[in-house]
PDB file of N, CA and C in Angstrom:
ATOM      1  N   MET A   1       0.997  -1.220   0.165  1.00  0.00           N
ATOM      2  CA  MET A   1       0.004  -0.067  -0.132  1.00  0.00           C
ATOM      3  C   MET A   1       0.868   0.871  -0.044  1.00  0.00           C
ATOM      4  N   TYR A   2       0.672   2.207  -0.844  1.00  0.00           N
ATOM      5  CA  TYR A   2       1.409   3.747  -0.687  1.00  0.00           C
ATOM      6  C   TYR A   2       0.237   4.633  -0.440  1.00  0.00           C
ATOM      7  N   VAL A   3       0.701   5.481   0.385  1.00  0.00           N
ATOM      8  CA  VAL A   3      -0.014   6.767   0.870  1.00  0.00           C
ATOM      9  C   VAL A   3       0.811   7.748   0.328  1.00  0.00           C
ATOM     10  N   THR A   4      -0.099   8.895   0.060  1.00  0.00           N
ATOM     11  CA  THR A   4       0.172  10.121  -0.438  1.00  0.00           C
ATOM     12  C   THR A   4      -0.137  11.101   0.230  1.00  0.00           C
ATOM     13  N   THR A   5       1.030  12.210   0.657  1.00  0.00           N
ATOM     14  CA  THR A   5       0.468  13.279   1.327  1.00  0.00           C
ATOM     15  C   THR A   5       0.947  14.806   0.156  1.00  0.00           C
ATOM     16  N   VAL A   6       0.163  15.802   0.297  1.00  0.00           N
ATOM     17  CA  VAL A   6       0.036  16.499  -0.474  1.00  0.00           C
ATOM     18  C   VAL A   6       0.028  17.756   1.025  1.00  0.00           C
ATOM     19  N   ILE A   7       0.990  18.692   0.795  1.00  0.00           N
ATOM     20  CA  ILE A   7       1.131  19.655   1.576  1.00  0.00           C
ATOM     21  C   ILE A   7       1.234  20.974   0.859  1.00  0.00           C
ATOM     22  N   GLY A   8      -0.063  21.843   0.870  1.00  0.00           N
ATOM     23  CA  GLY A   8       0.196  23.269   0.163  1.00  0.00           C
ATOM     24  C   GLY A   8       0.525  24.474   0.729  1.00  0.00           C
ATOM     25  N   ASP A   9       0.349  25.801   0.583  1.00  0.00           N
ATOM     26  CA  ASP A   9       1.058  26.691   1.039  1.00  0.00           C
ATOM     27  C   ASP A   9       0.332  26.578   2.285  1.00  0.00           C
ATOM     28  N   ILE A  10       0.289  27.792   3.005  1.00  0.00           N
ATOM     29  CA  ILE A  10       0.120  27.612   4.606  1.00  0.00           C
ATOM     30  C   ILE A  10      -0.380  29.512   4.574  1.00  0.00           C
ATOM     31  N   ALA A  11      -1.602  29.527   4.843  1.00  0.00           N
ATOM     32  CA  ALA A  11      -2.373  30.675   4.813  1.00  0.00           C
ATOM     33  C   ALA A  11      -1.695  31.857   5.976  1.00  0.00           C
ATOM     34  N   GLU A  12      -1.157  32.855   5.928  1.00  0.00           N
ATOM     35  CA  GLU A  12      -0.361  33.462   6.886  1.00  0.00           C
ATOM     36  C   GLU A  12      -1.698  34.200   8.024  1.00  0.00           C
ATOM     37  N   GLY A  13      -1.143  34.024   9.245  1.00  0.00           N
ATOM     38  CA  GLY A  13      -2.274  34.624  10.029  1.00  0.00           C
ATOM     39  C   GLY A  13      -3.076  33.214  10.724  1.00  0.00           C
ATOM     40  N   LEU A  14      -3.203  32.433   9.999  1.00  0.00           N
ATOM     41  CA  LEU A  14      -4.320  31.469  10.243  1.00  0.00           C
ATOM     42  C   LEU A  14      -3.505  30.006  11.567  1.00  0.00           C
ATOM     43  N   ILE A  15      -2.525  30.061  11.766  1.00  0.00           N
ATOM     44  CA  ILE A  15      -1.585  29.357  12.524  1.00  0.00           C
ATOM     45  C   ILE A  15      -0.450  29.892  13.368  1.00  0.00           C
ATOM     46  N   PRO A  16      -0.043  29.269  14.057  1.00  0.00           N
ATOM     47  CA  PRO A  16       1.394  29.933  14.667  1.00  0.00           C
ATOM     48  C   PRO A  16       2.321  30.161  13.560  1.00  0.00           C
ATOM     49  N   ALA A  17       3.280  30.842  13.981  1.00  0.00           N
ATOM     50  CA  ALA A  17       4.435  31.120  13.034  1.00  0.00           C
ATOM     51  C   ALA A  17       5.438  30.332  13.075  1.00  0.00           C
ATOM     52  N   SER A  18       5.827  29.464  13.916  1.00  0.00           N
ATOM     53  CA  SER A  18       6.595  28.346  14.168  1.00  0.00           C
ATOM     54  C   SER A  18       6.176  27.092  13.219  1.00  0.00           C
ATOM     55  N   THR A  19       5.097  26.699  13.163  1.00  0.00           N
ATOM     56  CA  THR A  19       4.054  26.100  11.807  1.00  0.00           C
ATOM     57  C   THR A  19       4.315  26.643  10.470  1.00  0.00           C
ATOM     58  N   ALA A  20       4.430  27.491  10.501  1.00  0.00           N
ATOM     59  CA  ALA A  20       4.248  27.983   9.148  1.00  0.00           C
ATOM     60  C   ALA A  20       5.315  28.628   8.772  1.00  0.00           C
ATOM     61  N   LEU A  21       6.837  28.929   9.684  1.00  0.00           N
ATOM     62  CA  LEU A  21       8.120  28.744   9.178  1.00  0.00           C
ATOM     63  C   LEU A  21       8.639  27.621   9.322  1.00  0.00           C
ATOM     64  N   GLY A  22       7.882  26.391   9.130  1.00  0.00           N
ATOM     65  CA  GLY A  22       8.787  25.614   9.074  1.00  0.00           C
ATOM     66  C   GLY A  22       8.807  24.002  10.172  1.00  0.00           C
ATOM     67  N   GLY A  23       7.935  24.197  10.899  1.00  0.00           N
ATOM     68  CA  GLY A  23       7.571  23.574  11.979  1.00  0.00           C
ATOM     69  C   GLY A  23       7.187  22.346  11.444  1.00  0.00           C
ATOM     70  N   THR A  24       7.578  21.023  12.156  1.00  0.00           N
ATOM     71  CA  THR A  24       7.126  19.504  11.415  1.00  0.00           C
ATOM     72  C   THR A  24       6.137  19.014  12.958  1.00  0.00           C
ATOM     73  N   ASP A  25       6.137  19.496  13.855  1.00  0.00           N
ATOM     74  CA  ASP A  25       5.140  18.482  14.836  1.00  0.00           C
ATOM     75  C   ASP A  25       3.925  17.924  14.257  1.00  0.00           C
ATOM     76  N   GLU A  26       3.380  18.766  13.531  1.00  0.00           N
ATOM     77  CA  GLU A  26       1.840  18.407  12.802  1.00  0.00           C
ATOM     78  C   GLU A  26       2.399  16.947  11.680  1.00  0.00           C
ATOM     79  N   TYR A  27       3.138  17.436  10.957  1.00  0.00           N
ATOM     80  CA  TYR A  27       3.131  16.612  10.110  1.00  0.00           C
ATOM     81  C   TYR A  27       3.699  15.219  10.698  1.00  0.00           C
ATOM     82  N   ALA A  28       4.724  15.180  11.405  1.00  0.00           N
ATOM     83  CA  ALA A  28       5.037  14.190  12.233  1.00  0.00           C
ATOM     84  C   ALA A  28       4.159  13.517  13.148  1.00  0.00           C
ATOM     85  N   ALA A  29       3.158  14.144  13.391  1.00  0.00           N
ATOM     86  CA  ALA A  29       1.762  13.411  14.063  1.00  0.00           C
ATOM     87  C   ALA A  29       1.414  12.379  13.184  1.00  0.00           C
ATOM     88  N   MET A  30       0.690  13.475  11.786  1.00  0.00           N
ATOM     89  CA  MET A  30       0.473  12.757  10.766  1.00  0.00           C
ATOM     90  C   MET A  30       0.717  11.584  10.313  1.00  0.00           C
ATOM     91  N   VAL A  31       2.012  11.960   9.892  1.00  0.00           N
ATOM     92  CA  VAL A  31       3.087  10.489   9.664  1.00  0.00           C
ATOM     93  C   VAL A  31       3.078   9.425  10.909  1.00  0.00           C
ATOM     94  N   SER A  32       3.277   9.421  12.003  1.00  0.00           N
ATOM     95  CA  SER A  32       3.287   8.419  12.742  1.00  0.00           C
ATOM     96  C   SER A  32       1.602   8.110  12.939  1.00  0.00           C
ATOM     97  N   GLU A  33       0.625   8.488  12.638  1.00  0.00           N
ATOM     98  CA  GLU A  33      -0.634   7.958  12.458  1.00  0.00           C
ATOM     99  C   GLU A  33      -0.826   7.213  11.860  1.00  0.00           C
ATOM    100  N   ILE A  34      -0.209   7.585  10.027  1.00  0.00           N
ATOM    101  CA  ILE A  34      -0.605   6.664   9.091  1.00  0.00           C
ATOM    102  C   ILE A  34       0.614   5.705   9.502  1.00  0.00           C
ATOM    103  N   CYS A  35       1.705   5.587   9.881  1.00  0.00           N
ATOM    104  CA  CYS A  35       2.303   4.366  10.369  1.00  0.00           C
ATOM    105  C   CYS A  35       2.208   3.171  11.513  1.00  0.00           C
ATOM    106  N   LYS A  36       1.219   3.668  11.909  1.00  0.00           N
ATOM    107  CA  LYS A  36       0.464   2.970  12.985  1.00  0.00           C
ATOM    108  C   LYS A  36      -0.475   1.939  12.735  1.00  0.00           C
ATOM    109  N   ARG A  37      -1.537   3.116  11.846  1.00  0.00           N
ATOM    110  CA  ARG A  37      -2.532   2.260  11.092  1.00  0.00           C
ATOM    111  C   ARG A  37      -1.951   1.580  10.129  1.00  0.00           C
ATOM    112  N   TYR A  38      -0.809   1.633   9.218  1.00  0.00           N
ATOM    113  CA  TYR A  38      -0.385   0.760   8.009  1.00  0.00           C
ATOM    114  C   TYR A  38       0.660   0.499   8.024  1.00  0.00           C
ATOM    115  N   PRO A  39       1.144  -0.472   9.149  1.00  0.00           N
ATOM    116  CA  PRO A  39       2.369  -0.173   9.645  1.00  0.00           C
ATOM    117  C   PRO A  39       3.658  -0.498   7.813  1.00  0.00           C
ATOM    118  N   SER A  40       3.472  -1.653   7.041  1.00  0.00           N
ATOM    119  CA  SER A  40       3.650  -1.903   5.818  1.00  0.00           C
ATOM    120  C   SER A  40       3.954  -0.829   4.741  1.00  0.00           C
ATOM    121  N   THR A  41       3.408   0.327   5.023  1.00  0.00           N
ATOM    122  CA  THR A  41       3.070   1.201   3.875  1.00  0.00           C
ATOM    123  C   THR A  41       4.613   1.797   3.560  1.00  0.00           C
ATOM    124  N   LYS A  42       4.720   2.370   2.414  1.00  0.00           N
ATOM    125  CA  LYS A  42       5.282   3.473   2.405  1.00  0.00           C
ATOM    126  C   LYS A  42       4.963   4.422   1.722  1.00  0.00           C
ATOM    127  N   LEU A  43       5.584   5.718   2.236  1.00  0.00           N
ATOM    128  CA  LEU A  43       4.942   6.844   1.994  1.00  0.00           C
ATOM    129  C   LEU A  43       5.305   7.697   0.758  1.00  0.00           C
ATOM    130  N   VAL A  44       4.425   8.948   0.034  1.00  0.00           N
ATOM    131  CA  VAL A  44       5.019   9.226  -1.272  1.00  0.00           C
ATOM    132  C   VAL A  44       4.515  10.636  -0.532  1.00  0.00           C
ATOM    133  N   SER A  45       5.198  11.831  -0.498  1.00  0.00           N
ATOM    134  CA  SER A  45       4.659  13.211   0.127  1.00  0.00           C
ATOM    135  C   SER A  45       5.461  13.931  -0.981  1.00  0.00           C
ATOM    136  N   ILE A  46       4.339  15.058  -1.352  1.00  0.00           N
ATOM    137  CA  ILE A  46       4.712  16.191  -2.132  1.00  0.00           C
ATOM    138  C   ILE A  46       4.406  16.979  -1.385  1.00  0.00           C
ATOM    139  N   GLY A  47       4.965  18.392  -1.576  1.00  0.00           N
ATOM    140  CA  GLY A  47       5.205  19.584  -0.968  1.00  0.00           C
ATOM    141  C   GLY A  47       5.294  20.631  -1.610  1.00  0.00           C
ATOM    142  N   PHE A  48       4.275  21.503  -1.398  1.00  0.00           N
ATOM    143  CA  PHE A  48       4.249  22.592  -2.484  1.00  0.00           C
ATOM    144  C   PHE A  48       4.571  23.872  -1.593  1.00  0.00           C
ATOM    145  N   SER A  49       5.567  24.836  -2.116  1.00  0.00           N
ATOM    146  CA  SER A  49       5.766  26.049  -1.306  1.00  0.00           C
ATOM    147  C   SER A  49       6.282  25.685  -0.150  1.00  0.00           C
ATOM    148  N   MET A  50       5.566  26.204   1.056  1.00  0.00           N
ATOM    149  CA  MET A  50       6.262  26.293   2.603  1.00  0.00           C
ATOM    150  C   MET A  50       6.133  24.517   2.846  1.00  0.00           C
ATOM    151  N   GLY A  51       4.959  23.735   2.218  1.00  0.00           N
ATOM    152  CA  GLY A  51       5.013  22.497   2.299  1.00  0.00           C
ATOM    153  C   GLY A  51       5.920  21.627   1.789  1.00  0.00           C
ATOM    154  N   GLY A  52       6.783  22.370   0.922  1.00  0.00           N
ATOM    155  CA  GLY A  52       8.240  21.721   0.508  1.00  0.00           C
ATOM    156  C   GLY A  52       8.992  21.664   1.337  1.00  0.00           C
ATOM    157  N   ASN A  53       9.217  22.921   2.033  1.00  0.00           N
ATOM    158  CA  ASN A  53       9.668  22.981   3.186  1.00  0.00           C
ATOM    159  C   ASN A  53      10.143  22.042   4.021  1.00  0.00           C
ATOM    160  N   ILE A  54       8.347  22.165   4.752  1.00  0.00           N
ATOM    161  CA  ILE A  54       8.293  20.846   5.645  1.00  0.00           C
ATOM    162  C   ILE A  54       8.452  19.857   5.443  1.00  0.00           C
ATOM    163  N   VAL A  55       8.062  19.397   4.189  1.00  0.00           N
ATOM    164  CA  VAL A  55       8.347  17.394   4.239  1.00  0.00           C
ATOM    165  C   VAL A  55       9.964  17.718   3.881  1.00  0.00           C
ATOM    166  N   LEU A  56      10.504  18.066   3.289  1.00  0.00           N
ATOM    167  CA  LEU A  56      11.939  17.815   3.242  1.00  0.00           C
ATOM    168  C   LEU A  56      12.916  18.261   4.833  1.00  0.00           C
ATOM    169  N   LYS A  57      12.097  19.310   5.679  1.00  0.00           N
ATOM    170  CA  LYS A  57      12.806  19.424   6.838  1.00  0.00           C
ATOM    171  C   LYS A  57      12.496  18.022   7.673  1.00  0.00           C
ATOM    172  N   TYR A  58      11.280  17.869   7.628  1.00  0.00           N
ATOM    173  CA  TYR A  58      10.720  16.628   8.604  1.00  0.00           C
ATOM    174  C   TYR A  58      12.124  15.335   8.420  1.00  0.00           C
ATOM    175  N   ILE A  59      12.056  14.940   7.219  1.00  0.00           N
ATOM    176  CA  ILE A  59      12.562  13.961   6.972  1.00  0.00           C
ATOM    177  C   ILE A  59      14.195  13.965   6.931  1.00  0.00           C
ATOM    178  N   GLY A  60      14.891  15.258   7.008  1.00  0.00           N
ATOM    179  CA  GLY A  60      16.174  16.108   7.233  1.00  0.00           C
ATOM    180  C   GLY A  60      16.646  15.620   8.437  1.00  0.00           C
ATOM    181  N   GLU A  61      15.371  15.972   9.978  1.00  0.00           N
ATOM    182  CA  GLU A  61      15.804  16.187  10.972  1.00  0.00           C
ATOM    183  C   GLU A  61      16.053  14.716  11.699  1.00  0.00           C
ATOM    184  N   ASP A  62      15.941  13.690  11.136  1.00  0.00           N
ATOM    185  CA  ASP A  62      16.206  12.393  11.371  1.00  0.00           C
ATOM    186  C   ASP A  62      15.933  11.164  10.313  1.00  0.00           C
ATOM    187  N   ASN A  63      17.473  10.843   9.937  1.00  0.00           N
ATOM    188  CA  ASN A  63      17.552  10.174   8.641  1.00  0.00           C
ATOM    189  C   ASN A  63      16.834   8.900   8.928  1.00  0.00           C
ATOM    190  N   SER A  64      16.349   8.319   9.780  1.00  0.00           N
ATOM    191  CA  SER A  64      16.142   7.124  10.180  1.00  0.00           C
ATOM    192  C   SER A  64      14.544   7.048   9.324  1.00  0.00           C
ATOM    193  N   ARG A  65      13.902   8.216   9.167  1.00  0.00           N
ATOM    194  CA  ARG A  65      12.431   8.994   9.025  1.00  0.00           C
ATOM    195  C   ARG A  65      12.391   8.421   7.341  1.00  0.00           C
ATOM    196  N   GLN A  66      13.635   8.561   6.808  1.00  0.00           N
ATOM    197  CA  GLN A  66      13.612   8.304   5.065  1.00  0.00           C
ATOM    198  C   GLN A  66      13.158   6.825   4.981  1.00  0.00           C
ATOM    199  N   ASP A  67      13.211   6.100   5.440  1.00  0.00           N
ATOM    200  CA  ASP A  67      12.885   4.660   5.432  1.00  0.00           C
ATOM    201  C   ASP A  67      11.667   4.435   5.138  1.00  0.00           C
ATOM    202  N   LYS A  68      10.671   5.177   5.890  1.00  0.00           N
ATOM    203  CA  LYS A  68       9.348   5.642   5.742  1.00  0.00           C
ATOM    204  C   LYS A  68       8.524   5.971   4.276  1.00  0.00           C
ATOM    205  N   PHE A  69       9.593   6.186   3.316  1.00  0.00           N
ATOM    206  CA  PHE A  69       9.195   7.373   2.568  1.00  0.00           C
ATOM    207  C   PHE A  69       9.558   6.143   1.011  1.00  0.00           C
ATOM    208  N   LEU A  70       9.215   5.941  -0.252  1.00  0.00           N
ATOM    209  CA  LEU A  70       9.508   5.875  -1.266  1.00  0.00           C
ATOM    210  C   LEU A  70       9.839   6.880  -1.888  1.00  0.00           C
ATOM    211  N   CYS A  71       9.173   8.170  -1.818  1.00  0.00           N
ATOM    212  CA  CYS A  71       9.751   9.454  -2.479  1.00  0.00           C
ATOM    213  C   CYS A  71       9.227  10.162  -2.060  1.00  0.00           C
ATOM    214  N   VAL A  72      10.273  11.634  -1.904  1.00  0.00           N
ATOM    215  CA  VAL A  72       9.499  12.887  -1.302  1.00  0.00           C
ATOM    216  C   VAL A  72       9.918  13.978  -2.257  1.00  0.00           C
ATOM    217  N   MET A  73       9.220  14.829  -2.607  1.00  0.00           N
ATOM    218  CA  MET A  73       9.264  16.018  -3.566  1.00  0.00           C
ATOM    219  C   MET A  73       8.800  17.378  -2.948  1.00  0.00           C
ATOM    220  N   SER A  74       9.862  18.495  -3.516  1.00  0.00           N
ATOM    221  CA  SER A  74       9.411  19.478  -3.178  1.00  0.00           C
ATOM    222  C   SER A  74       9.271  20.488  -4.416  1.00  0.00           C
ATOM    223  N   LEU A  75       8.024  21.016  -4.271  1.00  0.00           N
ATOM    224  CA  LEU A  75       7.839  21.614  -5.637  1.00  0.00           C
ATOM    225  C   LEU A  75       7.560  23.284  -5.249  1.00  0.00           C
ATOM    226  N   CYS A  76       8.672  24.317  -5.903  1.00  0.00           N
ATOM    227  CA  CYS A  76       8.070  25.696  -5.785  1.00  0.00           C
ATOM    228  C   CYS A  76       8.583  26.237  -4.275  1.00  0.00           C
ATOM    229  N   GLN A  77       9.722  25.468  -3.767  1.00  0.00           N
ATOM    230  CA  GLN A  77       9.850  25.796  -2.213  1.00  0.00           C
ATOM    231  C   GLN A  77      10.165  27.282  -2.201  1.00  0.00           C
ATOM    232  N   GLY A  78       9.424  27.816  -1.273  1.00  0.00           N
ATOM    233  CA  GLY A  78      10.187  29.295  -0.931  1.00  0.00           C
ATOM    234  C   GLY A  78      11.600  29.036  -0.367  1.00  0.00           C
ATOM    235  N   TYR A  79      12.400  30.359  -0.186  1.00  0.00           N
ATOM    236  CA  TYR A  79      13.433  30.704   0.331  1.00  0.00           C
ATOM    237  C   TYR A  79      13.252  32.067   0.952  1.00  0.00           C
ATOM    238  N   ASN A  80      14.231  32.400   2.303  1.00  0.00           N
ATOM    239  CA  ASN A  80      14.089  33.453   2.784  1.00  0.00           C
ATOM    240  C   ASN A  80      12.735  33.715   3.582  1.00  0.00           C
ATOM    241  N   ALA A  81      12.221  32.990   4.229  1.00  0.00           N
ATOM    242  CA  ALA A  81      10.848  33.039   4.471  1.00  0.00           C
ATOM    243  C   ALA A  81      10.676  34.080   5.891  1.00  0.00           C
ATOM    244  N   GLY A  82      12.089  34.787   6.190  1.00  0.00           N
ATOM    245  CA  GLY A  82      12.004  35.623   7.325  1.00  0.00           C
ATOM    246  C   GLY A  82      11.890  37.305   6.534  1.00  0.00           C
ATOM    247  N   GLN A  83      11.405  37.213   5.272  1.00  0.00           N
ATOM    248  CA  GLN A  83      11.353  38.514   4.753  1.00  0.00           C
ATOM    249  C   GLN A  83       9.843  38.847   4.600  1.00  0.00           C
TER     250      GLN A  83
END
């Protein structure tokens, strides 16, 4: 089984700034829940804009997380988010 997650732009002002600037806590909780429900699955994740930052940051924070993913893509990811 494959599970695909698509993460898009995060609307300014709707969520705390730490998440909007690349916090991975909520994404980590989602991945953890999917892996708990479907332990033999491989994930495919596609991030757009800030979502691209989040998925790449998530798998980069702990290299063992990469084992859960078949593919991770980041499209049109932003840079210089502090400005």
